[in-house]
Structure formats: C-alpha cells, structure tokens
Amino acid sequence: MKTLAIIPARAGSKGVPKKNIREIAGKPLLAYAIETAKASKLITKTIVSTESDEVIEVAKTYGCEVLKRTEKNAQDHSLIDDVIKEILEKLNEDFDIIMLLQPTAPIREAEDVDKVIKMFIQDKNTECVVSVVPLGDIHPAHMYTLDNAQNMESLEEDGERKRRQDLNPFYIRNGCIYAIKQNIFKKNGKIIHDKKKAYVMPELRWANIDTERDFLMIEVLIKQWKKGLL
C-alpha cells in the first residue's frame, strides 16, 4: 500500500512559540517525527507542511520534503483536515493511506507506524486507525462536573467507588498516529473517520506538548525512551 505521511508543523503556536523547532533532548522537536517516518519500512512519501521558513530549514536539514502551506491554513483556527486537502491537491498523486504524524507527540517508533499500516493490509475493511493509550487512574469514574456552588456530580456514578482494576478500561488518543484510506478521506473530508480502529500503545507513550510544563516532562520521558525504558 502506498502511504503518505504528513507532518504538520505550523509555526504560530500561542502556547509555546516555535515549539516545533525548539530543541528537546538534543534535537528539534520536529526531527523526531521526521526520523520516525524515515525509519519506517512501509511509508512511501513524507511531507512536512508549514508556513514557516525556519521550519522548512529544519525539515530540509533532516532530509524531509516540504510543502509550504497557505496562510489560510496556517491560522490558530485552521483545521488539519483542510491542511491535508491542500497537500493532496498540490501533490495530485494517489495513495492508499494518508497518515498524520504530529511533531507534538514525539514518543513513537517506526515499528508503531508500520504496525498501523499493516492493520490496513491485513484487513481490507479497515478504513481508519487512531493510536490510543489506556487511561489507568485517569478514568471517567473518577471525574466530576461542578455546579456554581461547587457541588460534584460523577460522570460515571456506578463506578465512582470501584477500584481502578475493577473498572472497564477507557482509552484516549495520544496524538502519535492518525491514518485513513485516501478514498475515505476524500469522501468524508475528515482524518478521524466515524468507522475507526484503535492502535493501542503503552500508557507511557502518552506525551503531548501544548505547554512549557509539557516540555519539561517530555524531556525526561524522551531520555528514558532513548534508553529503551518506555
């Protein structure tokens, strides 16, 4: 199957300016996604999408092709779905699978990428795959809504007093991998399709950078990951 990997790397983040090219554990954040894609045995083509000349320079330093996106698709409110549509229009090339590798979720292996692609190969009915991690103690049964008087209402009352190991497992997207058949994306225009399967990754691979605090924590996780401890 021909697979296009897209690495979206907009420069205009408000939470952490220039986070995609900021150095973390010895290299720019963007480099982790590029190196994963290059190490994959099954990705056919990898594209970095950005509006930033600085990002383009980093991407080319790590040997990755770049398509400069329009300003329209480089705003805070821009949808990643529209970015993907723009890339497909510019490339004008057919692929079987479109894969999104977000730089802000750097802890993933090329093996993870290839296993996701193999899910499509092994089951022709697979239309979309999203990477997830189990929630563990962060569970809806331990979550609440509050009214104006700070009264608590459980999101899952039946499980509120249960031990974690007695609760039904819940999963959350970890941002590492999104993949969809190109014909399904062209039909529905969404990277996360209604009919999707999970690729389950270890909970320690849940590391997404949105704040300065995230950078501090993920620096430690990446160092452990490099040692083979995650």
C-alpha atoms as a PDB file:
ATOM      1  CA  MET A   1       0.000   0.000   0.000  1.00  0.00           C
ATOM      2  CA  LYS A   2       1.256   3.471  -0.885  1.00  0.00           C
ATOM      3  CA  THR A   3       1.314   5.579   2.276  1.00  0.00           C
ATOM      4  CA  LEU A   4       1.714   9.348   2.503  1.00  0.00           C
ATOM      5  CA  ALA A   5       2.947  10.568   5.881  1.00  0.00           C
ATOM      6  CA  ILE A   6       2.122  14.191   6.671  1.00  0.00           C
ATOM      7  CA  ILE A   7       3.947  16.035   9.449  1.00  0.00           C
ATOM      8  CA  PRO A   8       2.084  19.283  10.246  1.00  0.00           C
ATOM      9  CA  ALA A   9       4.435  21.898  11.714  1.00  0.00           C
ATOM     10  CA  ARG A  10       2.783  25.290  11.920  1.00  0.00           C
ATOM     11  CA  ALA A  11       4.990  27.998  13.423  1.00  0.00           C
ATOM     12  CA  GLY A  12       2.325  30.185  15.001  1.00  0.00           C
ATOM     13  CA  SER A  13       1.645  28.343  18.273  1.00  0.00           C
ATOM     14  CA  LYS A  14       0.464  30.716  21.006  1.00  0.00           C
ATOM     15  CA  GLY A  15       1.025  28.344  23.958  1.00  0.00           C
ATOM     16  CA  VAL A  16       4.658  27.560  23.138  1.00  0.00           C
ATOM     17  CA  PRO A  17       6.026  29.792  20.344  1.00  0.00           C
ATOM     18  CA  LYS A  18       8.076  27.952  17.689  1.00  0.00           C
ATOM     19  CA  LYS A  19       7.622  24.702  19.608  1.00  0.00           C
ATOM     20  CA  ASN A  20       8.031  22.509  16.528  1.00  0.00           C
ATOM     21  CA  ILE A  21      11.637  23.622  16.043  1.00  0.00           C
ATOM     22  CA  ARG A  22      12.523  24.031  19.703  1.00  0.00           C
ATOM     23  CA  GLU A  23      15.289  21.718  20.884  1.00  0.00           C
ATOM     24  CA  ILE A  24      14.316  18.903  23.215  1.00  0.00           C
ATOM     25  CA  ALA A  25      16.737  16.225  24.405  1.00  0.00           C
ATOM     26  CA  GLY A  26      19.323  17.291  21.859  1.00  0.00           C
ATOM     27  CA  LYS A  27      17.354  17.894  18.665  1.00  0.00           C
ATOM     28  CA  PRO A  28      14.432  19.949  17.313  1.00  0.00           C
ATOM     29  CA  LEU A  29      11.020  18.543  18.210  1.00  0.00           C
ATOM     30  CA  LEU A  30      10.163  18.239  14.511  1.00  0.00           C
ATOM     31  CA  ALA A  31      13.139  15.918  13.987  1.00  0.00           C
ATOM     32  CA  TYR A  32      11.568  13.100  15.991  1.00  0.00           C
ATOM     33  CA  ALA A  33       8.603  12.788  13.628  1.00  0.00           C
ATOM     34  CA  ILE A  34      10.839  13.020  10.557  1.00  0.00           C
ATOM     35  CA  GLU A  35      13.235  10.364  11.844  1.00  0.00           C
ATOM     36  CA  THR A  36      10.353   8.029  12.679  1.00  0.00           C
ATOM     37  CA  ALA A  37       8.920   8.406   9.175  1.00  0.00           C
ATOM     38  CA  LYS A  38      12.324   7.866   7.532  1.00  0.00           C
ATOM     39  CA  ALA A  39      12.911   4.728   9.617  1.00  0.00           C
ATOM     40  CA  SER A  40       9.571   3.242   8.572  1.00  0.00           C
ATOM     41  CA  LYS A  41       9.766   0.370   6.099  1.00  0.00           C
ATOM     42  CA  LEU A  42       6.270   0.992   4.718  1.00  0.00           C
ATOM     43  CA  ILE A  43       5.858   4.768   4.324  1.00  0.00           C
ATOM     44  CA  THR A  44       6.110   5.744   0.652  1.00  0.00           C
ATOM     45  CA  LYS A  45       6.435   9.526   0.913  1.00  0.00           C
ATOM     46  CA  THR A  46       6.817  12.007   3.789  1.00  0.00           C
ATOM     47  CA  ILE A  47       5.837  15.676   3.647  1.00  0.00           C
ATOM     48  CA  VAL A  48       6.303  18.430   6.233  1.00  0.00           C
ATOM     49  CA  SER A  49       3.575  21.056   5.958  1.00  0.00           C
ATOM     50  CA  THR A  50       4.371  24.540   7.291  1.00  0.00           C
ATOM     51  CA  GLU A  51       4.136  28.246   6.561  1.00  0.00           C
ATOM     52  CA  SER A  52       7.475  28.948   8.265  1.00  0.00           C
ATOM     53  CA  ASP A  53      10.864  29.370   6.563  1.00  0.00           C
ATOM     54  CA  GLU A  54      12.534  28.368   9.846  1.00  0.00           C
ATOM     55  CA  VAL A  55      10.611  25.100   9.937  1.00  0.00           C
ATOM     56  CA  ILE A  56      11.458  24.486   6.286  1.00  0.00           C
ATOM     57  CA  GLU A  57      15.149  24.873   7.073  1.00  0.00           C
ATOM     58  CA  VAL A  58      14.956  22.349   9.928  1.00  0.00           C
ATOM     59  CA  ALA A  59      12.947  19.885   7.829  1.00  0.00           C
ATOM     60  CA  LYS A  60      15.467  20.041   4.981  1.00  0.00           C
ATOM     61  CA  THR A  61      18.343  19.635   7.438  1.00  0.00           C
ATOM     62  CA  TYR A  62      16.786  16.293   8.420  1.00  0.00           C
ATOM     63  CA  GLY A  63      16.225  15.308   4.795  1.00  0.00           C
ATOM     64  CA  CYS A  64      12.464  15.759   4.533  1.00  0.00           C
ATOM     65  CA  GLU A  65      10.426  17.159   1.652  1.00  0.00           C
ATOM     66  CA  VAL A  66       8.367  20.259   2.440  1.00  0.00           C
ATOM     67  CA  LEU A  67       5.193  21.814   1.035  1.00  0.00           C
ATOM     68  CA  LYS A  68       4.651  25.388   2.139  1.00  0.00           C
ATOM     69  CA  ARG A  69       1.065  25.815   3.207  1.00  0.00           C
ATOM     70  CA  THR A  70      -1.143  28.814   2.531  1.00  0.00           C
ATOM     71  CA  GLU A  71      -1.646  31.458   5.206  1.00  0.00           C
ATOM     72  CA  LYS A  72      -5.318  30.498   5.223  1.00  0.00           C
ATOM     73  CA  ASN A  73      -4.392  27.066   6.549  1.00  0.00           C
ATOM     74  CA  ALA A  74      -1.764  28.353   8.996  1.00  0.00           C
ATOM     75  CA  GLN A  75      -4.050  30.152  11.438  1.00  0.00           C
ATOM     76  CA  ASP A  76      -4.995  29.243  15.028  1.00  0.00           C
ATOM     77  CA  HIS A  77      -8.449  28.209  13.824  1.00  0.00           C
ATOM     78  CA  SER A  78      -7.251  26.291  10.752  1.00  0.00           C
ATOM     79  CA  LEU A  79      -8.379  22.666  10.570  1.00  0.00           C
ATOM     80  CA  ILE A  80      -5.872  19.889   9.962  1.00  0.00           C
ATOM     81  CA  ASP A  81      -8.410  18.352   7.564  1.00  0.00           C
ATOM     82  CA  ASP A  82      -8.079  21.423   5.316  1.00  0.00           C
ATOM     83  CA  VAL A  83      -4.282  21.210   5.507  1.00  0.00           C
ATOM     84  CA  ILE A  84      -4.437  17.603   4.278  1.00  0.00           C
ATOM     85  CA  LYS A  85      -6.787  18.577   1.437  1.00  0.00           C
ATOM     86  CA  GLU A  86      -4.353  21.301   0.371  1.00  0.00           C
ATOM     87  CA  ILE A  87      -1.439  18.845   0.340  1.00  0.00           C
ATOM     88  CA  LEU A  88      -3.353  16.276  -1.714  1.00  0.00           C
ATOM     89  CA  GLU A  89      -4.355  18.939  -4.237  1.00  0.00           C
ATOM     90  CA  LYS A  90      -0.741  20.128  -4.601  1.00  0.00           C
ATOM     91  CA  LEU A  91       0.694  16.623  -4.913  1.00  0.00           C
ATOM     92  CA  ASN A  92      -2.036  15.405  -7.274  1.00  0.00           C
ATOM     93  CA  GLU A  93      -0.940  11.849  -6.573  1.00  0.00           C
ATOM     94  CA  ASP A  94      -2.839   8.750  -5.490  1.00  0.00           C
ATOM     95  CA  PHE A  95      -2.068   6.995  -2.213  1.00  0.00           C
ATOM     96  CA  ASP A  96      -3.783   4.153  -0.409  1.00  0.00           C
ATOM     97  CA  ILE A  97      -3.255   5.573   3.092  1.00  0.00           C
ATOM     98  CA  ILE A  98      -2.888   9.086   4.466  1.00  0.00           C
ATOM     99  CA  MET A  99      -1.058   9.174   7.798  1.00  0.00           C
ATOM    100  CA  LEU A 100      -0.659  12.096  10.182  1.00  0.00           C
ATOM    101  CA  LEU A 101       2.405  12.184  12.446  1.00  0.00           C
ATOM    102  CA  GLN A 102       2.145  15.139  14.811  1.00  0.00           C
ATOM    103  CA  PRO A 103       5.513  16.540  15.998  1.00  0.00           C
ATOM    104  CA  THR A 104       3.949  17.368  19.363  1.00  0.00           C
ATOM    105  CA  ALA A 105       3.612  13.653  20.196  1.00  0.00           C
ATOM    106  CA  PRO A 106       7.239  12.599  19.635  1.00  0.00           C
ATOM    107  CA  ILE A 107       7.422   9.281  21.506  1.00  0.00           C
ATOM    108  CA  ARG A 108       6.628   6.688  18.854  1.00  0.00           C
ATOM    109  CA  GLU A 109       8.664   4.102  16.968  1.00  0.00           C
ATOM    110  CA  ALA A 110       8.853   3.349  13.255  1.00  0.00           C
ATOM    111  CA  GLU A 111       7.559  -0.076  14.280  1.00  0.00           C
ATOM    112  CA  ASP A 112       4.357   1.574  15.548  1.00  0.00           C
ATOM    113  CA  VAL A 113       3.889   3.292  12.199  1.00  0.00           C
ATOM    114  CA  ASP A 114       4.426   0.066  10.264  1.00  0.00           C
ATOM    115  CA  LYS A 115       2.081  -1.889  12.516  1.00  0.00           C
ATOM    116  CA  VAL A 116      -0.671   0.647  11.810  1.00  0.00           C
ATOM    117  CA  ILE A 117      -0.115   0.317   8.056  1.00  0.00           C
ATOM    118  CA  LYS A 118      -0.220  -3.479   8.409  1.00  0.00           C
ATOM    119  CA  MET A 119      -3.657  -3.175  10.026  1.00  0.00           C
ATOM    120  CA  PHE A 120      -4.937  -1.884   6.660  1.00  0.00           C
ATOM    121  CA  ILE A 121      -3.033  -4.560   4.744  1.00  0.00           C
ATOM    122  CA  GLN A 122      -4.292  -7.426   6.906  1.00  0.00           C
ATOM    123  CA  ASP A 123      -7.921  -6.296   6.996  1.00  0.00           C
ATOM    124  CA  LYS A 124      -9.185  -4.693   3.791  1.00  0.00           C
ATOM    125  CA  ASN A 125     -12.249  -3.413   5.659  1.00  0.00           C
ATOM    126  CA  THR A 126     -10.123  -1.164   7.879  1.00  0.00           C
ATOM    127  CA  GLU A 127     -10.869   2.455   6.970  1.00  0.00           C
ATOM    128  CA  CYS A 128      -9.236   4.489   9.739  1.00  0.00           C
ATOM    129  CA  VAL A 129      -6.813   3.831  12.613  1.00  0.00           C
ATOM    130  CA  VAL A 130      -6.061   6.082  15.592  1.00  0.00           C
ATOM    131  CA  SER A 131      -3.353   5.498  18.201  1.00  0.00           C
ATOM    132  CA  VAL A 132      -4.565   5.443  21.803  1.00  0.00           C
ATOM    133  CA  VAL A 133      -3.304   4.678  25.299  1.00  0.00           C
ATOM    134  CA  PRO A 134      -5.196   3.198  28.282  1.00  0.00           C
ATOM    135  CA  LEU A 135      -6.193   5.796  30.850  1.00  0.00           C
ATOM    136  CA  GLY A 136      -5.432   3.892  34.046  1.00  0.00           C
ATOM    137  CA  ASP A 137      -6.262   6.064  37.082  1.00  0.00           C
ATOM    138  CA  ILE A 138      -7.424   8.920  34.861  1.00  0.00           C
ATOM    139  CA  HIS A 139     -10.859   7.421  34.388  1.00  0.00           C
ATOM    140  CA  PRO A 140     -14.359   8.903  33.878  1.00  0.00           C
ATOM    141  CA  ALA A 141     -15.459   7.152  37.086  1.00  0.00           C
ATOM    142  CA  HIS A 142     -13.034   9.422  38.962  1.00  0.00           C
ATOM    143  CA  MET A 143     -14.156  12.608  37.190  1.00  0.00           C
ATOM    144  CA  TYR A 144     -16.833  15.133  38.086  1.00  0.00           C
ATOM    145  CA  THR A 145     -18.710  18.163  36.889  1.00  0.00           C
ATOM    146  CA  LEU A 146     -19.255  21.067  39.292  1.00  0.00           C
ATOM    147  CA  ASP A 147     -22.189  23.448  39.543  1.00  0.00           C
ATOM    148  CA  ASN A 148     -21.918  27.085  40.640  1.00  0.00           C
ATOM    149  CA  ALA A 149     -21.999  26.027  44.301  1.00  0.00           C
ATOM    150  CA  GLN A 150     -19.121  23.534  43.747  1.00  0.00           C
ATOM    151  CA  ASN A 151     -21.399  20.524  44.182  1.00  0.00           C
ATOM    152  CA  MET A 152     -19.890  17.469  42.483  1.00  0.00           C
ATOM    153  CA  GLU A 153     -21.659  15.176  40.051  1.00  0.00           C
ATOM    154  CA  SER A 154     -19.917  11.996  38.962  1.00  0.00           C
ATOM    155  CA  LEU A 155     -19.508  11.273  35.255  1.00  0.00           C
ATOM    156  CA  GLU A 156     -19.891   7.562  35.983  1.00  0.00           C
ATOM    157  CA  GLU A 157     -21.747   7.121  39.243  1.00  0.00           C
ATOM    158  CA  ASP A 158     -21.806   3.321  39.162  1.00  0.00           C
ATOM    159  CA  GLY A 159     -18.019   3.167  39.076  1.00  0.00           C
ATOM    160  CA  GLU A 160     -17.219   6.001  41.481  1.00  0.00           C
ATOM    161  CA  ARG A 161     -16.369   3.714  44.405  1.00  0.00           C
ATOM    162  CA  LYS A 162     -14.835   0.865  42.411  1.00  0.00           C
ATOM    163  CA  ARG A 163     -11.142   0.071  42.437  1.00  0.00           C
ATOM    164  CA  ARG A 164      -9.267   1.013  39.275  1.00  0.00           C
ATOM    165  CA  GLN A 165      -8.678  -2.634  38.373  1.00  0.00           C
ATOM    166  CA  ASP A 166     -12.426  -3.323  38.598  1.00  0.00           C
ATOM    167  CA  LEU A 167     -13.395  -0.581  36.129  1.00  0.00           C
ATOM    168  CA  ASN A 168     -13.975  -1.102  32.429  1.00  0.00           C
ATOM    169  CA  PRO A 169     -10.889   0.197  30.567  1.00  0.00           C
ATOM    170  CA  PHE A 170     -11.049   3.550  28.810  1.00  0.00           C
ATOM    171  CA  TYR A 171      -8.664   4.868  26.177  1.00  0.00           C
ATOM    172  CA  ILE A 172      -7.585   8.301  24.994  1.00  0.00           C
ATOM    173  CA  ARG A 173      -5.945   9.456  21.765  1.00  0.00           C
ATOM    174  CA  ASN A 174      -2.246  10.075  22.346  1.00  0.00           C
ATOM    175  CA  GLY A 175      -1.715  12.099  19.166  1.00  0.00           C
ATOM    176  CA  CYS A 176       1.045   9.876  17.766  1.00  0.00           C
ATOM    177  CA  ILE A 177      -0.637   8.348  14.710  1.00  0.00           C
ATOM    178  CA  TYR A 178      -3.772   9.014  12.674  1.00  0.00           C
ATOM    179  CA  ALA A 179      -4.264   7.036   9.470  1.00  0.00           C
ATOM    180  CA  ILE A 180      -7.067   6.798   6.949  1.00  0.00           C
ATOM    181  CA  LYS A 181      -7.593   5.411   3.465  1.00  0.00           C
ATOM    182  CA  GLN A 182      -7.279   8.206   0.947  1.00  0.00           C
ATOM    183  CA  ASN A 183     -10.559   7.367  -0.777  1.00  0.00           C
ATOM    184  CA  ILE A 184     -12.377   7.538   2.575  1.00  0.00           C
ATOM    185  CA  PHE A 185     -10.737  10.882   3.402  1.00  0.00           C
ATOM    186  CA  LYS A 186     -11.682  12.305   0.014  1.00  0.00           C
ATOM    187  CA  LYS A 187     -15.264  11.157   0.539  1.00  0.00           C
ATOM    188  CA  ASN A 188     -15.704  12.443   4.113  1.00  0.00           C
ATOM    189  CA  GLY A 189     -13.020  15.117   4.442  1.00  0.00           C
ATOM    190  CA  LYS A 190     -12.006  14.083   7.974  1.00  0.00           C
ATOM    191  CA  ILE A 191      -8.805  12.472   9.238  1.00  0.00           C
ATOM    192  CA  ILE A 192     -10.770  10.871  12.116  1.00  0.00           C
ATOM    193  CA  HIS A 193     -13.445   8.809  10.441  1.00  0.00           C
ATOM    194  CA  ASP A 194     -16.607   7.597  12.192  1.00  0.00           C
ATOM    195  CA  LYS A 195     -15.615   3.988  11.499  1.00  0.00           C
ATOM    196  CA  LYS A 196     -12.196   3.632  13.129  1.00  0.00           C
ATOM    197  CA  LYS A 197      -9.975   1.099  14.854  1.00  0.00           C
ATOM    198  CA  ALA A 198      -7.553   1.621  17.728  1.00  0.00           C
ATOM    199  CA  TYR A 199      -3.841   1.017  17.718  1.00  0.00           C
ATOM    200  CA  VAL A 200      -3.087   0.662  21.434  1.00  0.00           C
ATOM    201  CA  MET A 201       0.258   1.982  22.680  1.00  0.00           C
ATOM    202  CA  PRO A 202       1.726   1.823  26.216  1.00  0.00           C
ATOM    203  CA  GLU A 203       0.461   4.478  28.622  1.00  0.00           C
ATOM    204  CA  LEU A 204       3.998   5.883  28.959  1.00  0.00           C
ATOM    205  CA  ARG A 205       3.834   6.801  25.256  1.00  0.00           C
ATOM    206  CA  TRP A 206       1.203   9.433  26.129  1.00  0.00           C
ATOM    207  CA  ALA A 207       3.247  12.607  25.784  1.00  0.00           C
ATOM    208  CA  ASN A 208       1.793  15.630  24.005  1.00  0.00           C
ATOM    209  CA  ILE A 209       3.323  19.090  24.036  1.00  0.00           C
ATOM    210  CA  ASP A 210       0.987  22.057  24.455  1.00  0.00           C
ATOM    211  CA  THR A 211       2.610  23.995  27.316  1.00  0.00           C
ATOM    212  CA  GLU A 212       6.011  24.808  28.820  1.00  0.00           C
ATOM    213  CA  ARG A 213       5.235  22.281  31.572  1.00  0.00           C
ATOM    214  CA  ASP A 214       4.814  19.595  28.906  1.00  0.00           C
ATOM    215  CA  PHE A 215       8.285  20.358  27.550  1.00  0.00           C
ATOM    216  CA  LEU A 216       9.822  19.823  30.973  1.00  0.00           C
ATOM    217  CA  MET A 217       8.110  16.461  31.477  1.00  0.00           C
ATOM    218  CA  ILE A 218       8.626  15.143  27.960  1.00  0.00           C
ATOM    219  CA  GLU A 219      12.343  15.931  28.073  1.00  0.00           C
ATOM    220  CA  VAL A 220      12.609  13.360  30.888  1.00  0.00           C
ATOM    221  CA  LEU A 221      10.413  10.830  29.069  1.00  0.00           C
ATOM    222  CA  ILE A 222      12.411  11.114  25.848  1.00  0.00           C
ATOM    223  CA  LYS A 223      15.659  10.460  27.695  1.00  0.00           C
ATOM    224  CA  GLN A 224      14.114   7.312  29.201  1.00  0.00           C
ATOM    225  CA  TRP A 225      12.710   6.316  25.814  1.00  0.00           C
ATOM    226  CA  LYS A 226      16.134   6.629  24.213  1.00  0.00           C
ATOM    227  CA  LYS A 227      17.462   4.244  26.878  1.00  0.00           C
ATOM    228  CA  GLY A 228      14.765   1.727  25.929  1.00  0.00           C
ATOM    229  CA  LEU A 229      12.905   2.136  29.214  1.00  0.00           C
ATOM    230  CA  LEU A 230       9.494   3.171  27.790  1.00  0.00           C
END
